[in-house]
């Protein structure tokens, strides 16, 4: 079959998209990679940490799994070896489909700030594991894990979209990895791989450029800082035997919310997309990028990480400048074609002749068996027929 494809010569096939019945290792053992290597550009897998297709999972019991760095490591680590095998064969490795849970996610988890913390950690862990891409699955109006959801009626409605908490994680990960295309990520295994926090260092061209620090811990008292932590880092110096090149100061962006349960008022560097169903896809608020002075005396830098939050630390000016997309001024366009209001009218002759086949074949009733036993019920059936046919008879007239 592959020899009959219209494109030949350049590998551009993604496979095997393995999910549930087999593992990627089993397919490797069966010779998949060797057999299809001439055609493959990406080796891909699909994986959800949990399954909500039956709708019978206990969300409260599962919640802790989305507030744990250990769980994220357990989710990604089985793919470390398969990813290295793929890369050794000259292929890229990708997560074709994933999100918080299959079949739309979990209410209270997938649509809360917990998902933003988890997805940030998940994205960075995949980068650490040599994944080239990770694709979050979208769904319809009844899906909890959507990064964004259009209005339930008119998609052109302004400020009626919903931006999900997990979308913020994509922004953090994109800025953390930067635009160079050669970012290398290492899991710092903070506090002996503590489940409550995570840390990653990003290197570009062999130079440390950014840090990602995550605090999963929910304050026991609202407004309390008892569960904040301070990450202290140094670049070179001390026991490394290398010259200290810790910067004099760093810039930090924070992803914040009042609680891991928060669905609204999530901010990235002081800006947010608004509350649910009131978003237009633009960040609002004043940009808040904090500058933290480092300790020249001992060559260390202390970064506060409130609970819960993510801190993205820019170690150099270049790392900050190359972290996001190019700034482009908003471009607007004048409307070139306009019409007057559109009024719906109905052809009365069609209405008179579209009477549900004069009630001779009732379409149904609101009560079981009613169409056969009740004259009033037969009228209900006729009325349903009227509605059905009237819709087809509506004529739109544009008044210019």
Protein backbone atom coordinates (compact mmCIF):
# COMPACT_ATOMS: atom_id res chain seq x y z
CA UNK A 1 0.00 0.00 0.00
CA UNK A 2 2.74 2.45 0.94
CA UNK A 3 4.42 1.96 -2.43
CA UNK A 4 1.27 3.26 -4.12
CA UNK A 5 1.16 6.52 -2.21
CA UNK A 6 1.44 9.65 -4.41
CA UNK A 7 4.38 10.93 -2.37
CA UNK A 8 7.58 8.94 -2.43
CA UNK A 9 11.16 9.58 -1.44
CA UNK A 10 10.62 11.84 1.59
CA UNK A 11 9.41 10.21 4.82
CA UNK A 12 6.19 11.93 5.86
CA UNK A 13 4.05 9.27 7.54
CA UNK A 14 3.09 9.31 11.22
CA UNK A 15 2.64 5.98 12.96
CA UNK A 16 1.75 3.68 14.58
CA UNK A 17 -0.53 5.83 16.81
CA UNK A 18 -0.56 3.01 19.33
CA UNK A 19 -2.92 3.49 22.22
CA UNK A 20 -4.57 0.79 24.22
CA UNK A 21 -4.17 -2.78 23.04
CA UNK A 22 -0.43 -2.80 22.37
CA UNK A 23 2.62 -0.93 23.56
CA UNK A 24 5.08 0.82 21.29
CA UNK A 25 7.75 -1.57 22.58
CA UNK A 26 5.78 -4.57 21.37
CA UNK A 27 5.53 -3.05 17.90
CA UNK A 28 9.26 -2.35 17.88
CA UNK A 29 9.86 -6.00 18.78
CA UNK A 30 7.60 -7.05 15.89
CA UNK A 31 9.81 -5.14 13.46
CA UNK A 32 7.53 -2.14 12.90
CA UNK A 33 10.28 0.46 12.89
CA UNK A 34 12.54 -1.46 10.54
CA UNK A 35 9.73 -2.32 8.13
CA UNK A 36 8.32 1.19 7.80
CA UNK A 37 11.44 3.30 8.42
CA UNK A 38 11.64 4.55 4.78
CA UNK A 39 8.19 6.09 5.11
CA UNK A 40 8.07 7.27 8.74
CA UNK A 41 8.82 10.82 9.76
CA UNK A 42 7.31 10.53 13.23
CA UNK A 43 6.85 7.63 15.59
CA UNK A 44 3.80 8.45 17.67
CA UNK A 45 1.77 7.20 20.61
CA UNK A 46 -1.49 8.15 22.30
CA UNK A 47 -1.95 8.09 26.05
CA UNK A 48 -4.45 9.39 28.59
CA UNK A 49 -3.60 8.97 32.27
CA UNK A 50 -7.19 7.96 33.11
CA UNK A 51 -10.36 6.81 31.37
CA UNK A 52 -13.68 8.55 31.89
CA UNK A 53 -15.56 6.89 29.03
CA UNK A 54 -17.82 5.01 31.45
CA UNK A 55 -18.38 8.09 33.60
CA UNK A 56 -18.06 6.14 36.83
CA UNK A 57 -14.68 7.33 38.12
CA UNK A 58 -14.45 8.87 41.60
CA UNK A 59 -13.07 12.31 40.79
CA UNK A 60 -12.24 13.13 44.40
CA UNK A 61 -10.03 10.06 44.68
CA UNK A 62 -8.26 10.87 41.42
CA UNK A 63 -7.68 14.55 42.13
CA UNK A 64 -4.36 13.99 43.92
CA UNK A 65 -2.92 12.31 40.81
CA UNK A 66 -3.10 15.65 39.00
CA UNK A 67 -1.24 17.44 41.76
CA UNK A 68 1.81 15.20 41.79
CA UNK A 69 5.10 15.42 39.94
CA UNK A 70 5.60 11.72 40.68
CA UNK A 71 2.46 10.87 38.70
CA UNK A 72 3.69 12.93 35.75
CA UNK A 73 7.03 11.13 35.76
CA UNK A 74 5.24 7.78 35.89
CA UNK A 75 3.09 8.85 32.94
CA UNK A 76 6.00 9.80 30.67
CA UNK A 77 8.90 7.60 31.76
CA UNK A 78 7.67 4.43 29.97
CA UNK A 79 8.34 6.28 26.71
CA UNK A 80 11.92 7.33 27.44
CA UNK A 81 13.45 4.24 25.84
CA UNK A 82 11.05 4.08 22.85
CA UNK A 83 11.73 7.77 22.17
CA UNK A 84 15.49 7.20 22.17
CA UNK A 85 15.07 4.22 19.83
CA UNK A 86 13.04 6.33 17.42
CA UNK A 87 15.56 9.17 17.53
CA UNK A 88 18.37 6.69 16.99
CA UNK A 89 16.58 5.61 13.82
CA UNK A 90 16.40 9.20 12.63
CA UNK A 91 12.71 9.69 13.51
CA UNK A 92 10.96 12.21 15.72
CA UNK A 93 8.84 10.99 18.62
CA UNK A 94 5.49 12.57 19.40
CA UNK A 95 2.44 12.26 21.62
CA UNK A 96 -0.31 12.27 19.02
CA UNK A 97 -3.24 12.53 21.45
CA UNK A 98 -3.48 13.16 25.17
CA UNK A 99 -5.23 15.18 27.84
CA UNK A 100 -6.34 14.80 31.43
CA UNK A 101 -8.64 11.81 30.81
CA UNK A 102 -10.20 10.13 27.80
CA UNK A 103 -13.77 10.95 26.73
CA UNK A 104 -13.75 14.59 27.73
CA UNK A 105 -11.91 14.65 31.03
CA UNK A 106 -13.22 15.08 34.57
CA UNK A 107 -15.38 17.90 35.92
CA UNK A 108 -13.54 19.75 38.67
CA UNK A 109 -10.13 18.56 37.47
CA UNK A 110 -9.89 19.10 33.73
CA UNK A 111 -11.53 22.53 33.96
CA UNK A 112 -9.63 23.75 37.03
CA UNK A 113 -6.26 25.34 37.71
CA UNK A 114 -4.95 21.90 38.71
CA UNK A 115 -4.99 20.94 35.03
CA UNK A 116 -2.80 23.94 34.16
CA UNK A 117 -0.18 22.92 36.74
CA UNK A 118 -0.34 19.28 35.62
CA UNK A 119 -0.14 20.07 31.90
CA UNK A 120 2.84 22.39 32.39
CA UNK A 121 4.69 19.65 34.25
CA UNK A 122 3.55 17.08 31.65
CA UNK A 123 4.77 19.19 28.72
CA UNK A 124 8.17 19.78 30.27
CA UNK A 125 8.51 16.12 31.23
CA UNK A 126 7.78 15.10 27.64
CA UNK A 127 10.41 17.56 26.44
CA UNK A 128 12.84 16.01 28.93
CA UNK A 129 11.93 12.59 27.50
CA UNK A 130 12.76 13.62 23.90
CA UNK A 131 9.22 14.10 22.63
CA UNK A 132 9.15 16.51 19.70
CA UNK A 133 5.44 17.30 19.97
CA UNK A 134 2.54 16.71 22.34
CA UNK A 135 -1.00 17.34 21.09
CA UNK A 136 -3.88 18.03 23.47
CA UNK A 137 -7.21 16.65 22.34
CA UNK A 138 -10.18 18.99 21.85
CA UNK A 139 -13.87 18.16 22.02
CA UNK A 140 -17.30 19.75 21.81
CA UNK A 141 -19.46 21.77 24.15
CA UNK A 142 -19.77 18.95 26.70
CA UNK A 143 -16.01 18.44 27.13
CA UNK A 144 -14.20 19.54 30.28
CA UNK A 145 -10.60 19.52 29.05
CA UNK A 146 -10.85 21.89 26.08
CA UNK A 147 -8.12 24.54 25.90
CA UNK A 148 -10.85 26.78 24.48
CA UNK A 149 -14.51 26.34 23.59
CA UNK A 150 -16.62 28.47 21.23
CA UNK A 151 -20.00 29.85 22.27
CA UNK A 152 -22.84 27.32 22.09
CA UNK A 153 -24.61 29.33 19.39
CA UNK A 154 -22.85 31.85 17.17
CA UNK A 155 -19.08 31.38 17.01
CA UNK A 156 -18.64 34.98 15.87
CA UNK A 157 -20.02 36.29 19.16
CA UNK A 158 -17.54 38.57 20.89
CA UNK A 159 -16.30 37.75 24.39
CA UNK A 160 -18.42 34.64 24.76
CA UNK A 161 -15.71 32.02 24.28
CA UNK A 162 -14.36 29.97 27.14
CA UNK A 163 -10.60 29.69 27.63
CA UNK A 164 -9.85 26.62 29.71
CA UNK A 165 -7.17 26.58 32.42
CA UNK A 166 -5.13 24.03 30.46
CA UNK A 167 -4.58 26.57 27.68
CA UNK A 168 -2.37 28.61 30.01
CA UNK A 169 -0.03 25.63 30.30
CA UNK A 170 0.55 25.74 26.56
CA UNK A 171 1.64 29.37 26.79
CA UNK A 172 4.02 28.62 29.66
CA UNK A 173 5.56 25.64 27.85
CA UNK A 174 5.95 27.60 24.61
CA UNK A 175 7.73 30.46 26.34
CA UNK A 176 9.85 28.07 28.39
CA UNK A 177 11.12 26.24 25.31
CA UNK A 178 11.59 29.49 23.37
CA UNK A 179 11.99 30.06 19.66
CA UNK A 180 15.49 28.74 19.04
CA UNK A 181 14.37 25.21 18.20
CA UNK A 182 17.36 23.74 20.04
CA UNK A 183 16.16 23.84 23.65
CA UNK A 184 17.35 20.98 25.84
CA UNK A 185 15.42 20.23 29.02
CA UNK A 186 16.50 18.54 32.24
CA UNK A 187 14.31 17.50 35.16
CA UNK A 188 15.98 18.97 38.26
CA UNK A 189 14.39 16.36 40.60
CA UNK A 190 13.73 19.02 43.23
CA UNK A 191 13.92 17.83 46.83
CA UNK A 192 14.63 14.27 45.77
CA UNK A 193 11.80 14.22 43.24
CA UNK A 194 9.24 15.54 45.69
CA UNK A 195 5.69 14.90 44.46
CA UNK A 196 4.65 18.40 45.57
CA UNK A 197 6.93 20.43 43.33
CA UNK A 198 8.78 20.20 40.06
CA UNK A 199 11.66 22.02 38.45
CA UNK A 200 13.19 22.06 34.99
CA UNK A 201 16.21 23.79 33.48
CA UNK A 202 16.22 24.73 29.81
CA UNK A 203 19.52 25.04 27.95
CA UNK A 204 20.04 26.63 24.55
CA UNK A 205 23.35 26.21 22.75
CA UNK A 206 24.74 24.67 25.92
CA UNK A 207 23.88 27.70 28.07
CA UNK A 208 21.25 27.76 30.83
CA UNK A 209 18.52 30.09 29.66
CA UNK A 210 15.35 29.47 31.68
CA UNK A 211 13.94 27.63 34.69
CA UNK A 212 10.42 26.28 35.21
CA UNK A 213 9.41 25.87 38.84
CA UNK A 214 6.04 24.36 39.85
CA UNK A 215 4.35 24.33 43.24
CA UNK A 216 1.35 22.00 43.44
CA UNK A 217 0.55 22.64 47.10
CA UNK A 218 -2.79 24.22 47.95
CA UNK A 219 -2.71 26.75 50.83
CA UNK A 220 -4.48 25.36 53.87
CA UNK A 221 -5.72 28.87 54.69
CA UNK A 222 -6.85 31.25 51.95
CA UNK A 223 -4.28 33.96 51.42
CA UNK A 224 -1.66 32.14 53.49
CA UNK A 225 1.90 31.74 52.22
CA UNK A 226 2.65 28.79 54.49
CA UNK A 227 2.95 26.43 51.51
CA UNK A 228 5.13 28.67 49.37
CA UNK A 229 8.69 27.56 48.74
CA UNK A 230 11.88 29.27 47.68
CA UNK A 231 14.09 27.69 45.03
CA UNK A 232 17.73 28.65 45.32
CA UNK A 233 19.94 28.17 42.30
CA UNK A 234 23.46 28.98 41.18
CA UNK A 235 25.14 28.67 37.81
CA UNK A 236 28.68 27.43 38.28
CA UNK A 237 30.71 28.23 41.37
CA UNK A 238 30.82 26.40 44.71
CA UNK A 239 31.34 22.63 44.40
CA UNK A 240 31.09 22.63 40.59
CA UNK A 241 34.67 23.81 40.16
CA UNK A 242 33.49 26.15 37.40
CA UNK A 243 33.42 29.94 37.35
CA UNK A 244 30.27 31.42 38.82
CA UNK A 245 28.09 32.97 36.13
CA UNK A 246 24.93 33.45 38.17
CA UNK A 247 23.27 36.59 36.80
CA UNK A 248 22.96 39.75 38.87
CA UNK A 249 19.19 39.62 38.46
CA UNK A 250 16.52 37.54 36.72
CA UNK A 251 13.05 38.18 35.39
CA UNK A 252 10.15 35.96 36.44
CA UNK A 253 6.65 35.36 35.10
CA UNK A 254 4.11 33.65 37.33
CA UNK A 255 1.10 31.52 36.44
CA UNK A 256 -1.26 32.12 39.35
CA UNK A 257 -4.69 31.33 40.71
CA UNK A 258 -6.21 31.52 44.15
CA UNK A 259 -6.67 27.76 44.37
CA UNK A 260 -6.02 24.54 42.50
CA UNK A 261 -9.81 24.40 42.19
CA UNK A 262 -10.06 27.80 40.47
CA UNK A 263 -11.77 27.94 37.10
CA UNK A 264 -11.63 31.72 36.73
CA UNK A 265 -9.23 34.55 37.51
CA UNK A 266 -6.18 32.63 36.34
CA UNK A 267 -3.35 34.94 35.32
CA UNK A 268 -0.14 34.62 33.39
CA UNK A 269 2.26 37.42 34.33
CA UNK A 270 -0.69 39.42 35.61
CA UNK A 271 -2.83 38.94 32.52
CA UNK A 272 -5.76 36.62 31.89
CA UNK A 273 -8.30 35.61 29.28
CA UNK A 274 -11.25 36.43 31.52
CA UNK A 275 -13.85 34.31 33.24
CA UNK A 276 -15.67 31.41 31.62
CA UNK A 277 -17.70 32.22 28.51
CA UNK A 278 -16.44 35.80 28.49
CA UNK A 279 -13.23 35.45 26.49
CA UNK A 280 -12.31 36.80 23.08
CA UNK A 281 -8.91 35.11 22.93
CA UNK A 282 -6.93 38.13 24.05
CA UNK A 283 -5.05 38.63 27.29
CA UNK A 284 -6.33 41.45 29.48
CA UNK A 285 -4.71 43.26 32.37
CA UNK A 286 -1.32 44.82 32.98
CA UNK A 287 1.74 42.72 32.22
CA UNK A 288 3.60 41.92 35.44
CA UNK A 289 7.11 40.58 34.93
CA UNK A 290 8.98 40.64 38.23
CA UNK A 291 12.69 41.33 38.58
CA UNK A 292 14.49 39.49 41.36
CA UNK A 293 17.97 40.54 42.49
CA UNK A 294 20.44 37.73 43.05
CA UNK A 295 23.09 37.47 45.78
CA UNK A 296 26.44 38.66 44.47
CA UNK A 297 28.21 37.60 47.69
CA UNK A 298 27.60 33.86 47.31
CA UNK A 299 26.53 33.66 43.66
CA UNK A 300 23.02 32.35 44.38
CA UNK A 301 19.53 33.44 43.42
CA UNK A 302 16.34 32.86 45.43
CA UNK A 303 13.05 32.46 43.56
CA UNK A 304 9.81 32.45 45.55
CA UNK A 305 7.25 29.95 44.21
CA UNK A 306 3.83 30.54 45.80
CA UNK A 307 1.41 27.68 46.26
CA UNK A 308 -0.12 26.94 43.83
CA UNK A 309 1.75 28.46 40.90
CA UNK A 310 4.29 28.09 38.12
CA UNK A 311 7.32 30.37 37.91
CA UNK A 312 9.15 30.83 34.61
CA UNK A 313 12.58 32.31 35.29
CA UNK A 314 14.51 34.04 32.52
CA UNK A 315 18.22 33.80 33.24
CA UNK A 316 19.35 36.19 30.51
CA UNK A 317 17.92 39.12 28.57
CA UNK A 318 18.26 37.09 25.39
CA UNK A 319 16.26 34.23 26.92
CA UNK A 320 13.48 36.66 27.78
CA UNK A 321 13.44 38.29 24.37
CA UNK A 322 13.40 34.94 22.54
CA UNK A 323 10.76 33.27 24.68
CA UNK A 324 7.55 34.33 22.94
CA UNK A 325 6.23 35.16 19.55
CA UNK A 326 7.21 38.32 17.74
CA UNK A 327 5.17 41.29 18.88
CA UNK A 328 2.77 42.30 16.16
CA UNK A 329 0.42 45.24 16.41
CA UNK A 330 -3.26 44.34 16.16
CA UNK A 331 -4.50 44.77 12.61
CA UNK A 332 -8.12 45.65 11.96
CA UNK A 333 -10.02 45.78 8.69
CA UNK A 334 -12.97 47.91 7.72
CA UNK A 335 -16.17 46.13 6.73
CA UNK A 336 -16.42 46.10 2.96
CA UNK A 337 -19.90 44.63 2.50
CA UNK A 338 -22.94 45.47 4.57
CA UNK A 339 -26.64 44.68 4.41
CA UNK A 340 -29.68 45.93 6.24
CA UNK A 341 -31.48 43.83 8.80
CA UNK A 342 -32.85 40.50 7.62
CA UNK A 343 -36.49 39.81 8.42
CA UNK A 344 -38.05 36.37 8.23
CA UNK A 345 -41.45 36.09 6.60
CA UNK A 346 -43.70 33.14 5.91
CA UNK A 347 -45.72 32.35 2.81
CA UNK A 348 -49.27 31.96 4.16
CA UNK A 349 -50.35 29.71 1.29
CA UNK A 350 -47.56 27.28 2.12
CA UNK A 351 -48.45 27.48 5.78
CA UNK A 352 -52.07 26.59 5.03
CA UNK A 353 -51.05 23.55 3.00
CA UNK A 354 -48.28 22.37 5.34
CA UNK A 355 -50.52 21.14 8.08
CA UNK A 356 -48.89 17.83 8.94
CA UNK A 357 -50.81 15.98 6.22
CA UNK A 358 -54.06 17.34 7.72
CA UNK A 359 -53.48 15.32 10.86
CA UNK A 360 -54.04 12.05 9.05
CA UNK A 361 -50.66 10.69 10.10
CA UNK A 362 -49.86 11.99 13.60
CA UNK A 363 -46.15 12.24 14.28
CA UNK A 364 -46.31 11.62 18.00
CA UNK A 365 -47.56 12.79 21.37
CA UNK A 366 -46.25 13.65 24.77
CA UNK A 367 -47.85 10.55 26.29
CA UNK A 368 -47.32 6.90 25.45
CA UNK A 369 -50.15 5.63 23.25
CA UNK A 370 -51.85 9.03 23.27
CA UNK A 371 -52.01 9.35 19.49
CA UNK A 372 -54.30 6.37 19.30
CA UNK A 373 -56.51 7.17 22.25
CA UNK A 374 -56.90 10.91 22.43
CA UNK A 375 -58.23 13.47 19.99
CA UNK A 376 -56.24 16.14 21.79
CA UNK A 377 -53.16 13.99 21.42
CA UNK A 378 -53.78 13.72 17.69
CA UNK A 379 -53.78 17.50 17.54
CA UNK A 380 -50.38 17.47 19.26
CA UNK A 381 -49.10 15.21 16.52
CA UNK A 382 -50.50 17.55 13.88
CA UNK A 383 -48.89 20.53 15.56
CA UNK A 384 -45.49 18.86 15.52
CA UNK A 385 -45.98 18.31 11.83
CA UNK A 386 -46.78 21.97 11.35
CA UNK A 387 -43.58 23.04 13.03
CA UNK A 388 -41.57 20.64 10.92
CA UNK A 389 -42.99 21.87 7.65
CA UNK A 390 -43.16 25.53 8.57
CA UNK A 391 -39.44 25.61 9.12
CA UNK A 392 -38.97 24.44 5.56
CA UNK A 393 -41.33 27.13 4.30
CA UNK A 394 -39.57 30.10 5.89
CA UNK A 395 -38.44 32.67 3.34
CA UNK A 396 -35.77 35.27 4.11
CA UNK A 397 -36.18 38.68 2.52
CA UNK A 398 -33.45 41.26 2.63
CA UNK A 399 -34.71 44.81 2.94
CA UNK A 400 -32.17 47.05 1.22
